[in-house]
Amino acid sequence: MRYIICYDIPDDKTRANIVNYLERFAWRVQYSVFSCRLDKARAALVWKDLLAIAAATEGNSILMVPLCKSCEKNLQLSTKPLEEEKGFLVV
């Protein structure tokens, strides 16, 4: 399933840690928006990891939204994403 992950992280170091974590498996759509494909188990782990990273400072907000295939098909983006979706090879 595709997930959209958005965040509002005021602290630069915490935000950088979130970005570094997400860049390992997700592609950047906007500066604070990522998209990725995850199964339910991996999505639960990602959510847990994001909360743990964000717990380092206060005032953080993270949103992780699952998109069903119908919703994904109707997704609209007014500009080109910052990154193109790419496949990942796990070795």
Protein backbone atom coordinates (compact mmCIF):
# COMPACT_ATOMS: atom_id res chain seq x y z
CA MET A 1 0.00 0.00 0.00
CA ARG A 2 1.17 3.52 -0.69
CA TYR A 3 1.60 5.87 2.26
CA ILE A 4 1.97 9.63 2.35
CA ILE A 5 4.09 10.86 5.25
CA CYS A 6 4.07 14.56 6.16
CA TYR A 7 5.75 16.30 9.03
CA ASP A 8 6.16 19.66 10.73
CA ILE A 9 9.36 19.51 12.78
CA PRO A 10 10.66 22.87 14.08
CA ASP A 11 14.02 21.57 15.36
CA ASP A 12 16.64 21.34 12.58
CA LYS A 13 18.46 18.30 14.01
CA THR A 14 15.28 16.31 14.62
CA ARG A 15 13.97 17.24 11.17
CA ALA A 16 17.26 16.13 9.58
CA ASN A 17 17.02 12.80 11.42
CA ILE A 18 13.46 12.29 10.12
CA VAL A 19 14.55 13.15 6.57
CA ASN A 20 17.58 10.83 6.71
CA TYR A 21 15.37 8.01 7.97
CA LEU A 22 12.70 8.52 5.30
CA GLU A 23 15.19 8.90 2.44
CA ARG A 24 16.25 5.28 2.97
CA PHE A 25 12.98 3.94 1.55
CA ALA A 26 10.70 6.80 0.47
CA TRP A 27 10.76 9.43 -2.24
CA ARG A 28 10.35 13.10 -1.54
CA VAL A 29 7.27 14.73 -3.03
CA GLN A 30 7.67 18.11 -1.33
CA TYR A 31 10.08 19.39 1.29
CA SER A 32 8.10 17.91 4.18
CA VAL A 33 6.14 15.24 2.28
CA PHE A 34 7.32 11.75 1.39
CA SER A 35 5.63 8.83 -0.36
CA CYS A 36 6.44 5.13 -0.10
CA ARG A 37 5.04 1.65 -0.52
CA LEU A 38 4.91 -0.45 2.64
CA ASP A 39 3.18 -3.56 3.83
CA LYS A 40 1.21 -3.28 7.09
CA ALA A 41 3.97 -4.69 9.28
CA ARG A 42 6.61 -2.35 7.84
CA ALA A 43 4.21 0.62 8.10
CA ALA A 44 3.73 -0.09 11.80
CA LEU A 45 7.52 -0.21 12.29
CA VAL A 46 8.03 3.03 10.33
CA TRP A 47 5.38 4.78 12.45
CA LYS A 48 7.06 3.56 15.65
CA ASP A 49 10.48 4.72 14.41
CA LEU A 50 9.17 8.15 13.37
CA LEU A 51 7.59 8.69 16.77
CA ALA A 52 10.82 7.67 18.49
CA ILE A 53 12.87 10.10 16.39
CA ALA A 54 10.35 12.91 16.91
CA ALA A 55 10.33 12.34 20.68
CA ALA A 56 13.80 13.96 20.86
CA THR A 57 12.20 17.42 20.86
CA GLU A 58 8.79 18.99 21.51
CA GLY A 59 6.30 20.54 19.12
CA ASN A 60 6.62 17.94 16.35
CA SER A 61 3.79 16.76 14.16
CA ILE A 62 3.83 13.73 11.86
CA LEU A 63 1.02 12.50 9.63
CA MET A 64 1.11 9.08 7.95
CA VAL A 65 -1.79 8.37 5.60
CA PRO A 66 -2.45 5.05 3.84
CA LEU A 67 -3.86 5.35 0.31
CA CYS A 68 -6.02 2.59 -1.14
CA LYS A 69 -5.53 1.81 -4.84
CA SER A 70 -8.60 3.85 -5.80
CA CYS A 71 -7.37 6.89 -3.84
CA GLU A 72 -3.86 6.48 -5.23
CA LYS A 73 -5.22 6.43 -8.77
CA ASN A 74 -7.01 9.75 -8.15
CA LEU A 75 -4.08 11.46 -6.46
CA GLN A 76 -3.33 14.87 -7.94
CA LEU A 77 -0.12 16.87 -7.77
CA SER A 78 0.09 20.36 -9.21
CA THR A 79 3.85 20.34 -9.77
CA LYS A 80 6.58 17.83 -10.49
CA PRO A 81 7.71 16.01 -7.33
CA LEU A 82 11.13 16.93 -5.94
CA GLU A 83 12.24 13.34 -6.60
CA GLU A 84 10.99 10.70 -8.97
CA GLU A 85 9.79 7.44 -7.47
CA LYS A 86 12.43 4.79 -7.81
CA GLY A 87 12.69 1.16 -7.00
CA PHE A 88 14.89 -0.04 -4.19
CA LEU A 89 17.11 -3.07 -4.20
CA VAL A 90 17.57 -4.78 -0.87
CA VAL A 91 20.73 -6.88 -0.75
